[in-house]
Amino acid sequence: MLRRTLALAIAHRPGGLLAAKVALKHISVATTEGYAATPGGAQRRFHVEVEAAEEEHHLQLTVEAFRDFQDGVLPAGPGARGLLDVFAYADAAFAEADRADPAVLGTDRHLENLLRKRASILHIGPSNYCWFSDPTKALCLRLAGTPEAKRPQVGMCDSARCPQATHHPCHRPVWASQVKQTQVLLGNPRVPKGEKTRLKPELDRAQRVLTDIDNNIDAATATVREDIDGQTY
């Protein structure tokens, strides 16, 4: 049961299959695939458990992003506008339900129901969230030449350009680390000039994403300070 619990905790993360192989000390990755993909018997039941855990995890992340929206911390990235429209609709519906029947809001279940559909299209990348609502708009599928795919190619994601990608405060450390590491490489005299030329656009992209995230956080902080300063005691 401990091994199953550990595998469930790992499975919903990017690269979870190989991570589970290492953690569970399987000799062959085929054994790990059996835990998550082989139909029938205990393997199929385990696969269902993984899918349920992943669905619940995605719902939690969506609710957290919505709570950030309510606190004034807006998402960044090309897909931010579409996500904000969804959150604005959910916020209005949530407020209307509170006005019409406050008893409905005894728990967060109503909010989760409002956001469940959006959470169902969430795919987690190491530096972004992918809201896979329209495969024809997915940059990764266009780059891979598989526009009819049912799932995004998260490993090929260029979230700074994909119209379905968003960046949130939880992604800031990843982008800050990339900026710092790229700056170190650009400042290293041993790095060839051609490589530095290739790295410069990557630095500009990472810095742009990081700036957008920081600007949204700073704007929310400034709003809170204005609210506090405007109070009378």
C-alpha atoms as a PDB file:
ATOM      1  CA  MET A   1       0.000   0.000   0.000  1.00  0.00           C
ATOM      2  CA  LEU A   2       2.908   2.335   0.692  1.00  0.00           C
ATOM      3  CA  ARG A   3       4.315   1.673  -2.792  1.00  0.00           C
ATOM      4  CA  ARG A   4       0.910   2.288  -4.364  1.00  0.00           C
ATOM      5  CA  THR A   5       0.499   5.550  -2.450  1.00  0.00           C
ATOM      6  CA  LEU A   6       3.971   6.674  -3.504  1.00  0.00           C
ATOM      7  CA  ALA A   7       3.282   5.795  -7.149  1.00  0.00           C
ATOM      8  CA  LEU A   8      -0.008   7.729  -7.094  1.00  0.00           C
ATOM      9  CA  ALA A   9       1.749  10.793  -5.707  1.00  0.00           C
ATOM     10  CA  ILE A  10       4.359  10.673  -8.463  1.00  0.00           C
ATOM     11  CA  ALA A  11       2.155   9.698 -11.393  1.00  0.00           C
ATOM     12  CA  HIS A  12       0.389  13.026 -11.923  1.00  0.00           C
ATOM     13  CA  ARG A  13       3.633  14.968 -12.314  1.00  0.00           C
ATOM     14  CA  PRO A  14       5.509  15.686 -15.561  1.00  0.00           C
ATOM     15  CA  GLY A  15       7.811  12.768 -16.354  1.00  0.00           C
ATOM     16  CA  GLY A  16       6.023  10.728 -13.721  1.00  0.00           C
ATOM     17  CA  LEU A  17       6.520   7.373 -15.443  1.00  0.00           C
ATOM     18  CA  LEU A  18      10.322   7.449 -15.287  1.00  0.00           C
ATOM     19  CA  ALA A  19      10.258   9.033 -11.837  1.00  0.00           C
ATOM     20  CA  ALA A  20       8.054   6.203 -10.566  1.00  0.00           C
ATOM     21  CA  LYS A  21      10.411   3.645 -12.132  1.00  0.00           C
ATOM     22  CA  VAL A  22      13.334   5.102 -10.191  1.00  0.00           C
ATOM     23  CA  ALA A  23      11.415   5.521  -6.934  1.00  0.00           C
ATOM     24  CA  LEU A  24       9.960   2.006  -7.013  1.00  0.00           C
ATOM     25  CA  LYS A  25      13.285   0.506  -8.183  1.00  0.00           C
ATOM     26  CA  HIS A  26      11.798  -1.311 -11.159  1.00  0.00           C
ATOM     27  CA  ILE A  27      14.390  -2.973 -13.387  1.00  0.00           C
ATOM     28  CA  SER A  28      12.363  -2.326 -16.532  1.00  0.00           C
ATOM     29  CA  VAL A  29      10.142   0.612 -17.400  1.00  0.00           C
ATOM     30  CA  ALA A  30       7.678  -1.948 -18.750  1.00  0.00           C
ATOM     31  CA  THR A  31       6.923  -2.898 -15.163  1.00  0.00           C
ATOM     32  CA  THR A  32       6.090   0.707 -14.352  1.00  0.00           C
ATOM     33  CA  GLU A  33       3.956   0.952 -17.460  1.00  0.00           C
ATOM     34  CA  GLY A  34       2.028  -2.004 -16.135  1.00  0.00           C
ATOM     35  CA  TYR A  35       1.130  -0.015 -13.040  1.00  0.00           C
ATOM     36  CA  ALA A  36      -0.398   2.793 -15.084  1.00  0.00           C
ATOM     37  CA  ALA A  37      -1.366   1.503 -18.527  1.00  0.00           C
ATOM     38  CA  THR A  38      -1.962  -2.262 -18.729  1.00  0.00           C
ATOM     39  CA  PRO A  39      -5.719  -2.912 -18.976  1.00  0.00           C
ATOM     40  CA  GLY A  40      -7.426  -5.468 -16.773  1.00  0.00           C
ATOM     41  CA  GLY A  41      -6.983  -6.645 -13.195  1.00  0.00           C
ATOM     42  CA  ALA A  42      -5.194  -4.656 -10.532  1.00  0.00           C
ATOM     43  CA  GLN A  43      -3.278  -2.686 -13.156  1.00  0.00           C
ATOM     44  CA  ARG A  44      -6.476  -1.267 -14.644  1.00  0.00           C
ATOM     45  CA  ARG A  45      -7.845  -0.401 -11.221  1.00  0.00           C
ATOM     46  CA  PHE A  46      -4.584   1.339 -10.408  1.00  0.00           C
ATOM     47  CA  HIS A  47      -4.808   3.269 -13.674  1.00  0.00           C
ATOM     48  CA  VAL A  48      -8.309   4.425 -12.722  1.00  0.00           C
ATOM     49  CA  GLU A  49      -6.990   5.538  -9.334  1.00  0.00           C
ATOM     50  CA  VAL A  50      -4.212   7.515 -11.013  1.00  0.00           C
ATOM     51  CA  GLU A  51      -6.692   9.236 -13.322  1.00  0.00           C
ATOM     52  CA  ALA A  52      -8.951  10.120 -10.383  1.00  0.00           C
ATOM     53  CA  ALA A  53      -6.005  11.478  -8.373  1.00  0.00           C
ATOM     54  CA  GLU A  54      -4.820  13.501 -11.374  1.00  0.00           C
ATOM     55  CA  GLU A  55      -8.315  14.933 -11.895  1.00  0.00           C
ATOM     56  CA  GLU A  56      -8.542  15.967  -8.248  1.00  0.00           C
ATOM     57  CA  HIS A  57      -5.079  17.508  -8.344  1.00  0.00           C
ATOM     58  CA  HIS A  58      -5.914  19.537 -11.452  1.00  0.00           C
ATOM     59  CA  LEU A  59      -9.104  20.763  -9.805  1.00  0.00           C
ATOM     60  CA  GLN A  60      -7.135  21.898  -6.756  1.00  0.00           C
ATOM     61  CA  LEU A  61      -4.691  23.822  -8.947  1.00  0.00           C
ATOM     62  CA  THR A  62      -7.549  25.455 -10.848  1.00  0.00           C
ATOM     63  CA  VAL A  63      -9.212  26.531  -7.611  1.00  0.00           C
ATOM     64  CA  GLU A  64      -5.887  27.930  -6.370  1.00  0.00           C
ATOM     65  CA  ALA A  65      -5.503  29.932  -9.583  1.00  0.00           C
ATOM     66  CA  PHE A  66      -9.061  31.216  -9.147  1.00  0.00           C
ATOM     67  CA  ARG A  67      -8.350  32.241  -5.548  1.00  0.00           C
ATOM     68  CA  ASP A  68      -5.293  34.144  -6.804  1.00  0.00           C
ATOM     69  CA  PHE A  69      -7.575  35.866  -9.330  1.00  0.00           C
ATOM     70  CA  GLN A  70      -9.937  36.894  -6.528  1.00  0.00           C
ATOM     71  CA  ASP A  71      -6.962  38.277  -4.589  1.00  0.00           C
ATOM     72  CA  GLY A  72      -5.903  40.336  -7.603  1.00  0.00           C
ATOM     73  CA  VAL A  73      -2.966  38.139  -8.637  1.00  0.00           C
ATOM     74  CA  LEU A  74      -3.699  37.646 -12.318  1.00  0.00           C
ATOM     75  CA  PRO A  75      -2.182  34.966 -14.553  1.00  0.00           C
ATOM     76  CA  ALA A  76       0.350  35.939 -17.193  1.00  0.00           C
ATOM     77  CA  GLY A  77       1.089  34.404 -20.576  1.00  0.00           C
ATOM     78  CA  PRO A  78      -0.638  34.288 -23.966  1.00  0.00           C
ATOM     79  CA  GLY A  79      -3.597  32.314 -22.600  1.00  0.00           C
ATOM     80  CA  ALA A  80      -4.256  34.654 -19.684  1.00  0.00           C
ATOM     81  CA  ARG A  81      -7.151  36.519 -21.318  1.00  0.00           C
ATOM     82  CA  GLY A  82      -9.159  33.357 -21.989  1.00  0.00           C
ATOM     83  CA  LEU A  83      -8.577  32.099 -18.457  1.00  0.00           C
ATOM     84  CA  LEU A  84      -9.585  35.436 -16.984  1.00  0.00           C
ATOM     85  CA  ASP A  85     -12.863  35.314 -18.921  1.00  0.00           C
ATOM     86  CA  VAL A  86     -13.611  31.905 -17.406  1.00  0.00           C
ATOM     87  CA  PHE A  87     -12.704  33.094 -13.910  1.00  0.00           C
ATOM     88  CA  ALA A  88     -14.798  36.251 -14.286  1.00  0.00           C
ATOM     89  CA  TYR A  89     -17.810  34.150 -15.282  1.00  0.00           C
ATOM     90  CA  ALA A  90     -17.264  31.768 -12.354  1.00  0.00           C
ATOM     91  CA  ASP A  91     -16.834  34.680  -9.950  1.00  0.00           C
ATOM     92  CA  ALA A  92     -20.118  36.250 -11.103  1.00  0.00           C
ATOM     93  CA  ALA A  93     -21.952  32.921 -10.844  1.00  0.00           C
ATOM     94  CA  PHE A  94     -20.449  32.344  -7.408  1.00  0.00           C
ATOM     95  CA  ALA A  95     -21.563  35.786  -6.223  1.00  0.00           C
ATOM     96  CA  GLU A  96     -25.063  35.286  -7.652  1.00  0.00           C
ATOM     97  CA  ALA A  97     -25.434  31.957  -5.865  1.00  0.00           C
ATOM     98  CA  ASP A  98     -24.283  33.594  -2.635  1.00  0.00           C
ATOM     99  CA  ARG A  99     -26.922  36.305  -3.045  1.00  0.00           C
ATOM    100  CA  ALA A 100     -29.742  33.963  -4.035  1.00  0.00           C
ATOM    101  CA  ASP A 101     -29.082  31.142  -1.580  1.00  0.00           C
ATOM    102  CA  PRO A 102     -26.212  31.606   0.880  1.00  0.00           C
ATOM    103  CA  ALA A 103     -26.736  28.087   2.233  1.00  0.00           C
ATOM    104  CA  VAL A 104     -25.333  26.676  -1.013  1.00  0.00           C
ATOM    105  CA  LEU A 105     -21.905  28.030  -0.175  1.00  0.00           C
ATOM    106  CA  GLY A 106     -21.329  26.129   3.019  1.00  0.00           C
ATOM    107  CA  THR A 107     -18.348  24.437   1.363  1.00  0.00           C
ATOM    108  CA  ASP A 108     -16.202  24.940  -1.724  1.00  0.00           C
ATOM    109  CA  ARG A 109     -18.157  22.260  -3.603  1.00  0.00           C
ATOM    110  CA  HIS A 110     -20.152  24.833  -5.568  1.00  0.00           C
ATOM    111  CA  LEU A 111     -16.978  26.603  -6.652  1.00  0.00           C
ATOM    112  CA  GLU A 112     -15.382  23.305  -7.645  1.00  0.00           C
ATOM    113  CA  ASN A 113     -18.422  22.460  -9.762  1.00  0.00           C
ATOM    114  CA  LEU A 114     -18.115  25.810 -11.542  1.00  0.00           C
ATOM    115  CA  LEU A 115     -14.444  25.194 -12.319  1.00  0.00           C
ATOM    116  CA  ARG A 116     -14.504  21.446 -12.924  1.00  0.00           C
ATOM    117  CA  LYS A 117     -14.942  21.726 -16.691  1.00  0.00           C
ATOM    118  CA  ARG A 118     -11.970  24.059 -16.969  1.00  0.00           C
ATOM    119  CA  ALA A 119      -9.878  21.836 -14.708  1.00  0.00           C
ATOM    120  CA  SER A 120     -10.587  18.867 -16.991  1.00  0.00           C
ATOM    121  CA  ILE A 121      -8.520  20.445 -19.800  1.00  0.00           C
ATOM    122  CA  LEU A 122      -5.586  21.423 -17.595  1.00  0.00           C
ATOM    123  CA  HIS A 123      -2.194  19.885 -18.380  1.00  0.00           C
ATOM    124  CA  ILE A 124       0.746  20.688 -16.118  1.00  0.00           C
ATOM    125  CA  GLY A 125       4.075  21.728 -17.547  1.00  0.00           C
ATOM    126  CA  PRO A 126       7.254  22.355 -15.554  1.00  0.00           C
ATOM    127  CA  SER A 127       6.997  26.124 -16.149  1.00  0.00           C
ATOM    128  CA  ASN A 128       3.371  26.747 -17.114  1.00  0.00           C
ATOM    129  CA  TYR A 129      -0.212  25.524 -17.161  1.00  0.00           C
ATOM    130  CA  CYS A 130      -1.655  24.371 -20.491  1.00  0.00           C
ATOM    131  CA  TRP A 131      -5.433  24.827 -20.869  1.00  0.00           C
ATOM    132  CA  PHE A 132      -5.927  22.454 -23.789  1.00  0.00           C
ATOM    133  CA  SER A 133      -9.313  23.685 -25.007  1.00  0.00           C
ATOM    134  CA  ASP A 134      -8.617  23.713 -28.754  1.00  0.00           C
ATOM    135  CA  PRO A 135      -6.053  21.350 -30.377  1.00  0.00           C
ATOM    136  CA  THR A 136      -5.878  23.580 -33.470  1.00  0.00           C
ATOM    137  CA  LYS A 137      -4.430  26.381 -31.337  1.00  0.00           C
ATOM    138  CA  ALA A 138      -1.818  24.234 -29.584  1.00  0.00           C
ATOM    139  CA  LEU A 139       1.633  25.365 -30.689  1.00  0.00           C
ATOM    140  CA  CYS A 140       3.230  22.088 -29.582  1.00  0.00           C
ATOM    141  CA  LEU A 141       0.964  20.059 -31.888  1.00  0.00           C
ATOM    142  CA  ARG A 142       1.731  22.329 -34.828  1.00  0.00           C
ATOM    143  CA  LEU A 143       5.452  21.953 -34.174  1.00  0.00           C
ATOM    144  CA  ALA A 144       5.096  18.174 -33.832  1.00  0.00           C
ATOM    145  CA  GLY A 145       2.946  17.910 -36.965  1.00  0.00           C
ATOM    146  CA  THR A 146       0.135  16.146 -35.074  1.00  0.00           C
ATOM    147  CA  PRO A 147      -2.763  18.651 -35.088  1.00  0.00           C
ATOM    148  CA  GLU A 148      -5.329  15.880 -34.515  1.00  0.00           C
ATOM    149  CA  ALA A 149      -3.819  14.708 -31.211  1.00  0.00           C
ATOM    150  CA  LYS A 150      -6.054  14.551 -28.149  1.00  0.00           C
ATOM    151  CA  ARG A 151      -3.379  15.650 -25.688  1.00  0.00           C
ATOM    152  CA  PRO A 152      -0.671  18.340 -25.860  1.00  0.00           C
ATOM    153  CA  GLN A 153       3.016  17.555 -26.246  1.00  0.00           C
ATOM    154  CA  VAL A 154       4.001  19.192 -22.966  1.00  0.00           C
ATOM    155  CA  GLY A 155       7.686  18.502 -23.521  1.00  0.00           C
ATOM    156  CA  MET A 156       7.619  20.616 -26.695  1.00  0.00           C
ATOM    157  CA  CYS A 157       5.701  23.516 -25.130  1.00  0.00           C
ATOM    158  CA  ASP A 158       6.839  27.065 -25.843  1.00  0.00           C
ATOM    159  CA  SER A 159       4.579  28.690 -23.280  1.00  0.00           C
ATOM    160  CA  ALA A 160       5.764  32.194 -24.129  1.00  0.00           C
ATOM    161  CA  ARG A 161       4.058  31.845 -27.541  1.00  0.00           C
ATOM    162  CA  CYS A 162       1.282  29.260 -27.124  1.00  0.00           C
ATOM    163  CA  PRO A 163      -2.179  30.896 -26.901  1.00  0.00           C
ATOM    164  CA  GLN A 164      -3.346  28.283 -24.389  1.00  0.00           C
ATOM    165  CA  ALA A 165      -0.490  28.619 -21.885  1.00  0.00           C
ATOM    166  CA  THR A 166      -0.508  30.648 -18.683  1.00  0.00           C
ATOM    167  CA  HIS A 167       2.115  31.491 -16.079  1.00  0.00           C
ATOM    168  CA  HIS A 168       1.355  31.804 -12.377  1.00  0.00           C
ATOM    169  CA  PRO A 169       3.328  32.779  -9.255  1.00  0.00           C
ATOM    170  CA  CYS A 170       4.181  29.114  -8.632  1.00  0.00           C
ATOM    171  CA  HIS A 171       6.114  29.113 -11.928  1.00  0.00           C
ATOM    172  CA  ARG A 172       8.255  32.110 -11.029  1.00  0.00           C
ATOM    173  CA  PRO A 173      11.176  30.114  -9.526  1.00  0.00           C
ATOM    174  CA  VAL A 174      11.555  28.132 -12.762  1.00  0.00           C
ATOM    175  CA  TRP A 175      11.766  31.227 -14.944  1.00  0.00           C
ATOM    176  CA  ALA A 176      13.995  33.077 -12.463  1.00  0.00           C
ATOM    177  CA  SER A 177      16.363  30.108 -12.450  1.00  0.00           C
ATOM    178  CA  GLN A 178      16.460  30.047 -16.247  1.00  0.00           C
ATOM    179  CA  VAL A 179      17.250  33.763 -16.387  1.00  0.00           C
ATOM    180  CA  LYS A 180      20.057  33.382 -13.850  1.00  0.00           C
ATOM    181  CA  GLN A 181      21.589  30.319 -15.523  1.00  0.00           C
ATOM    182  CA  THR A 182      21.441  31.882 -18.987  1.00  0.00           C
ATOM    183  CA  GLN A 183      23.064  35.074 -17.721  1.00  0.00           C
ATOM    184  CA  VAL A 184      25.887  33.012 -16.227  1.00  0.00           C
ATOM    185  CA  LEU A 185      26.457  31.257 -19.557  1.00  0.00           C
ATOM    186  CA  LEU A 186      26.422  34.533 -21.473  1.00  0.00           C
ATOM    187  CA  GLY A 187      28.986  35.935 -19.073  1.00  0.00           C
ATOM    188  CA  ASN A 188      31.295  32.925 -19.400  1.00  0.00           C
ATOM    189  CA  PRO A 189      34.183  33.681 -21.805  1.00  0.00           C
ATOM    190  CA  ARG A 190      34.542  29.979 -22.598  1.00  0.00           C
ATOM    191  CA  VAL A 191      31.096  29.792 -24.206  1.00  0.00           C
ATOM    192  CA  PRO A 192      31.435  30.130 -28.019  1.00  0.00           C
ATOM    193  CA  LYS A 193      30.098  33.267 -29.644  1.00  0.00           C
ATOM    194  CA  GLY A 194      27.616  31.303 -31.744  1.00  0.00           C
ATOM    195  CA  GLU A 195      26.155  29.668 -28.651  1.00  0.00           C
ATOM    196  CA  LYS A 196      25.792  33.068 -26.993  1.00  0.00           C
ATOM    197  CA  THR A 197      23.912  34.301 -30.045  1.00  0.00           C
ATOM    198  CA  ARG A 198      21.502  31.388 -29.656  1.00  0.00           C
ATOM    199  CA  LEU A 199      21.112  31.946 -25.919  1.00  0.00           C
ATOM    200  CA  LYS A 200      20.314  35.666 -26.146  1.00  0.00           C
ATOM    201  CA  PRO A 201      16.728  35.211 -27.491  1.00  0.00           C
ATOM    202  CA  GLU A 202      16.095  32.557 -24.828  1.00  0.00           C
ATOM    203  CA  LEU A 203      17.206  35.004 -22.139  1.00  0.00           C
ATOM    204  CA  ASP A 204      14.954  37.717 -23.555  1.00  0.00           C
ATOM    205  CA  ARG A 205      11.994  35.331 -23.608  1.00  0.00           C
ATOM    206  CA  ALA A 206      12.560  34.109 -20.044  1.00  0.00           C
ATOM    207  CA  GLN A 207      13.080  37.645 -18.779  1.00  0.00           C
ATOM    208  CA  ARG A 208       9.871  38.781 -20.470  1.00  0.00           C
ATOM    209  CA  VAL A 209       7.867  35.991 -18.845  1.00  0.00           C
ATOM    210  CA  LEU A 210       9.453  36.671 -15.455  1.00  0.00           C
ATOM    211  CA  THR A 211       8.698  40.390 -15.746  1.00  0.00           C
ATOM    212  CA  ASP A 212       5.049  39.703 -16.586  1.00  0.00           C
ATOM    213  CA  ILE A 213       4.671  37.432 -13.550  1.00  0.00           C
ATOM    214  CA  ASP A 214       6.338  39.982 -11.265  1.00  0.00           C
ATOM    215  CA  ASN A 215       4.239  42.847 -12.630  1.00  0.00           C
ATOM    216  CA  ASN A 216       1.034  40.958 -11.834  1.00  0.00           C
ATOM    217  CA  ILE A 217       2.234  40.150  -8.319  1.00  0.00           C
ATOM    218  CA  ASP A 218       3.317  43.770  -7.735  1.00  0.00           C
ATOM    219  CA  ALA A 219      -0.011  45.092  -9.025  1.00  0.00           C
ATOM    220  CA  ALA A 220      -1.916  42.866  -6.605  1.00  0.00           C
ATOM    221  CA  THR A 221       0.341  43.933  -3.718  1.00  0.00           C
ATOM    222  CA  ALA A 222      -0.154  47.614  -4.556  1.00  0.00           C
ATOM    223  CA  THR A 223      -3.936  47.142  -4.611  1.00  0.00           C
ATOM    224  CA  VAL A 224      -3.874  45.521  -1.174  1.00  0.00           C
ATOM    225  CA  ARG A 225      -1.773  48.378   0.190  1.00  0.00           C
ATOM    226  CA  GLU A 226      -4.187  50.942  -1.237  1.00  0.00           C
ATOM    227  CA  ASP A 227      -7.105  49.128   0.396  1.00  0.00           C
ATOM    228  CA  ILE A 228      -5.323  49.096   3.747  1.00  0.00           C
ATOM    229  CA  ASP A 229      -4.292  52.753   3.511  1.00  0.00           C
ATOM    230  CA  GLY A 230      -7.841  53.727   2.568  1.00  0.00           C
ATOM    231  CA  GLN A 231      -9.392  52.221   5.672  1.00  0.00           C
ATOM    232  CA  THR A 232     -10.434  54.426   8.556  1.00  0.00           C
ATOM    233  CA  TYR A 233     -10.033  53.327  12.145  1.00  0.00           C
END
